[in-house]
Amino acid sequence: MPSETGFTDYRVAADRAADVESEQRTGRFVDPRLAQTVFGEWVCQWAGALDVSAATWAKV
């Protein structure tokens, strides 16, 4: 994971690191790099995951 910046002091940074580690252990961590996905790329991934008939796609 890339570094985060902008913490006001060591304790605030350490608290954030502990939060991230906890989120990773419990499966609640959302990688901020995922927000860098270009919309068109996301649409292709989303459309590929759909299970619809060709007739449904023809209506779009």
N, C-alpha and C. Protein backbone atom coordinates (compact mmCIF):
# COMPACT_ATOMS: atom_id res chain seq x y z
N MET A 1 0.84 -1.17 0.00
CA MET A 1 0.00 0.00 0.00
C MET A 1 0.89 1.24 0.00
N PRO A 2 0.52 2.25 -0.79
CA PRO A 2 1.32 3.47 -0.80
C PRO A 2 1.23 4.21 0.53
N SER A 3 2.19 5.05 0.77
CA SER A 3 2.21 5.82 2.02
C SER A 3 1.13 6.89 2.01
N GLU A 4 0.63 7.19 3.18
CA GLU A 4 -0.28 8.32 3.36
C GLU A 4 0.52 9.45 3.99
N THR A 5 0.18 10.67 3.65
CA THR A 5 0.88 11.81 4.19
C THR A 5 -0.09 12.76 4.89
N GLY A 6 0.46 13.79 5.53
CA GLY A 6 -0.36 14.85 6.10
C GLY A 6 -0.73 14.66 7.55
N PHE A 7 -0.09 13.74 8.24
CA PHE A 7 -0.41 13.54 9.65
C PHE A 7 0.24 14.64 10.49
N THR A 8 -0.46 15.07 11.52
CA THR A 8 0.03 16.17 12.34
C THR A 8 1.13 15.76 13.31
N ASP A 9 1.15 14.50 13.69
CA ASP A 9 2.23 14.03 14.56
C ASP A 9 2.32 12.51 14.49
N TYR A 10 3.31 11.98 15.16
CA TYR A 10 3.57 10.53 15.12
C TYR A 10 2.38 9.73 15.63
N ARG A 11 1.76 10.17 16.71
CA ARG A 11 0.65 9.41 17.30
C ARG A 11 -0.52 9.29 16.33
N VAL A 12 -0.84 10.35 15.64
CA VAL A 12 -1.94 10.31 14.67
C VAL A 12 -1.60 9.32 13.54
N ALA A 13 -0.35 9.34 13.08
CA ALA A 13 0.07 8.42 12.03
C ALA A 13 0.04 6.97 12.53
N ALA A 14 0.49 6.76 13.75
CA ALA A 14 0.48 5.41 14.32
C ALA A 14 -0.95 4.89 14.49
N ASP A 15 -1.86 5.77 14.90
CA ASP A 15 -3.27 5.38 15.04
C ASP A 15 -3.85 4.97 13.69
N ARG A 16 -3.53 5.73 12.64
CA ARG A 16 -4.03 5.40 11.30
C ARG A 16 -3.47 4.05 10.84
N ALA A 17 -2.19 3.82 11.10
CA ALA A 17 -1.58 2.55 10.72
C ALA A 17 -2.27 1.39 11.44
N ALA A 18 -2.58 1.58 12.70
CA ALA A 18 -3.27 0.54 13.47
C ALA A 18 -4.66 0.30 12.91
N ASP A 19 -5.34 1.38 12.52
CA ASP A 19 -6.68 1.25 11.93
C ASP A 19 -6.63 0.44 10.64
N VAL A 20 -5.66 0.76 9.78
CA VAL A 20 -5.53 0.05 8.50
C VAL A 20 -5.25 -1.43 8.75
N GLU A 21 -4.35 -1.72 9.67
CA GLU A 21 -4.04 -3.12 9.97
C GLU A 21 -5.26 -3.86 10.48
N SER A 22 -6.05 -3.21 11.32
CA SER A 22 -7.28 -3.83 11.84
C SER A 22 -8.27 -4.08 10.71
N GLU A 23 -8.43 -3.09 9.83
CA GLU A 23 -9.36 -3.24 8.70
C GLU A 23 -8.92 -4.38 7.79
N GLN A 24 -7.60 -4.51 7.58
CA GLN A 24 -7.10 -5.60 6.75
C GLN A 24 -7.40 -6.96 7.38
N ARG A 25 -7.20 -7.08 8.69
CA ARG A 25 -7.44 -8.35 9.37
C ARG A 25 -8.92 -8.73 9.34
N THR A 26 -9.81 -7.76 9.42
CA THR A 26 -11.24 -8.06 9.48
C THR A 26 -11.92 -8.03 8.11
N GLY A 27 -11.12 -7.77 7.06
CA GLY A 27 -11.68 -7.77 5.71
C GLY A 27 -12.48 -6.53 5.38
N ARG A 28 -12.31 -5.45 6.12
CA ARG A 28 -13.05 -4.22 5.87
C ARG A 28 -12.22 -3.16 5.15
N PHE A 29 -10.95 -3.47 4.88
CA PHE A 29 -10.06 -2.48 4.26
C PHE A 29 -10.43 -2.29 2.80
N VAL A 30 -10.57 -1.04 2.38
CA VAL A 30 -10.80 -0.70 0.98
C VAL A 30 -9.55 0.02 0.49
N ASP A 31 -8.87 -0.59 -0.45
CA ASP A 31 -7.63 -0.03 -0.97
C ASP A 31 -7.93 1.27 -1.73
N PRO A 32 -7.35 2.39 -1.33
CA PRO A 32 -7.63 3.66 -2.00
C PRO A 32 -7.18 3.67 -3.46
N ARG A 33 -6.27 2.77 -3.83
CA ARG A 33 -5.85 2.71 -5.23
C ARG A 33 -6.99 2.26 -6.13
N LEU A 34 -7.98 1.57 -5.57
CA LEU A 34 -9.12 1.14 -6.37
C LEU A 34 -9.91 2.32 -6.90
N ALA A 35 -9.83 3.44 -6.22
CA ALA A 35 -10.54 4.64 -6.65
C ALA A 35 -9.88 5.26 -7.88
N GLN A 36 -8.74 4.75 -8.28
CA GLN A 36 -8.03 5.28 -9.44
C GLN A 36 -8.45 4.60 -10.73
N THR A 37 -9.41 3.69 -10.66
CA THR A 37 -9.88 3.01 -11.86
C THR A 37 -10.63 4.00 -12.75
N VAL A 38 -10.26 4.04 -14.00
CA VAL A 38 -10.94 4.90 -14.96
C VAL A 38 -12.36 4.37 -15.16
N PHE A 39 -13.31 5.28 -15.28
CA PHE A 39 -14.71 4.88 -15.36
C PHE A 39 -14.97 3.90 -16.50
N GLY A 40 -14.43 4.17 -17.68
CA GLY A 40 -14.65 3.27 -18.81
C GLY A 40 -14.12 1.87 -18.56
N GLU A 41 -12.99 1.78 -17.86
CA GLU A 41 -12.43 0.48 -17.51
C GLU A 41 -13.34 -0.24 -16.51
N TRP A 42 -13.88 0.51 -15.55
CA TRP A 42 -14.79 -0.08 -14.57
C TRP A 42 -16.05 -0.59 -15.26
N VAL A 43 -16.58 0.16 -16.22
CA VAL A 43 -17.79 -0.27 -16.93
C VAL A 43 -17.55 -1.60 -17.64
N CYS A 44 -16.39 -1.74 -18.25
CA CYS A 44 -16.06 -3.01 -18.92
C CYS A 44 -16.02 -4.17 -17.92
N GLN A 45 -15.43 -3.93 -16.76
CA GLN A 45 -15.38 -4.97 -15.73
C GLN A 45 -16.79 -5.29 -15.23
N TRP A 46 -17.58 -4.27 -15.00
CA TRP A 46 -18.94 -4.44 -14.50
C TRP A 46 -19.79 -5.19 -15.53
N ALA A 47 -19.72 -4.76 -16.78
CA ALA A 47 -20.53 -5.41 -17.82
C ALA A 47 -20.12 -6.87 -18.00
N GLY A 48 -18.84 -7.15 -17.87
CA GLY A 48 -18.37 -8.53 -18.01
C GLY A 48 -18.86 -9.43 -16.90
N ALA A 49 -19.20 -8.83 -15.76
CA ALA A 49 -19.67 -9.63 -14.62
C ALA A 49 -21.17 -9.90 -14.68
N LEU A 50 -21.88 -9.22 -15.56
CA LEU A 50 -23.33 -9.41 -15.66
C LEU A 50 -23.64 -10.69 -16.41
N ASP A 51 -24.73 -11.31 -16.03
CA ASP A 51 -25.16 -12.54 -16.69
C ASP A 51 -26.53 -12.27 -17.31
N VAL A 52 -26.50 -11.62 -18.47
CA VAL A 52 -27.76 -11.29 -19.16
C VAL A 52 -27.69 -11.81 -20.59
N SER A 53 -28.83 -11.94 -21.19
CA SER A 53 -28.90 -12.49 -22.55
C SER A 53 -28.50 -11.44 -23.58
N ALA A 54 -28.20 -11.90 -24.77
CA ALA A 54 -27.87 -10.99 -25.87
C ALA A 54 -29.04 -10.07 -26.18
N ALA A 55 -30.27 -10.58 -26.02
CA ALA A 55 -31.45 -9.74 -26.29
C ALA A 55 -31.52 -8.57 -25.32
N THR A 56 -31.12 -8.79 -24.08
CA THR A 56 -31.11 -7.70 -23.12
C THR A 56 -30.08 -6.65 -23.51
N TRP A 57 -28.88 -7.09 -23.90
CA TRP A 57 -27.86 -6.13 -24.33
C TRP A 57 -28.32 -5.37 -25.57
N ALA A 58 -29.08 -6.02 -26.44
CA ALA A 58 -29.54 -5.35 -27.67
C ALA A 58 -30.49 -4.20 -27.35
N LYS A 59 -31.13 -4.23 -26.20
CA LYS A 59 -32.07 -3.16 -25.82
C LYS A 59 -31.36 -1.93 -25.30
N VAL A 60 -30.09 -2.07 -24.96
CA VAL A 60 -29.36 -0.94 -24.35
C VAL A 60 -28.98 0.07 -25.40
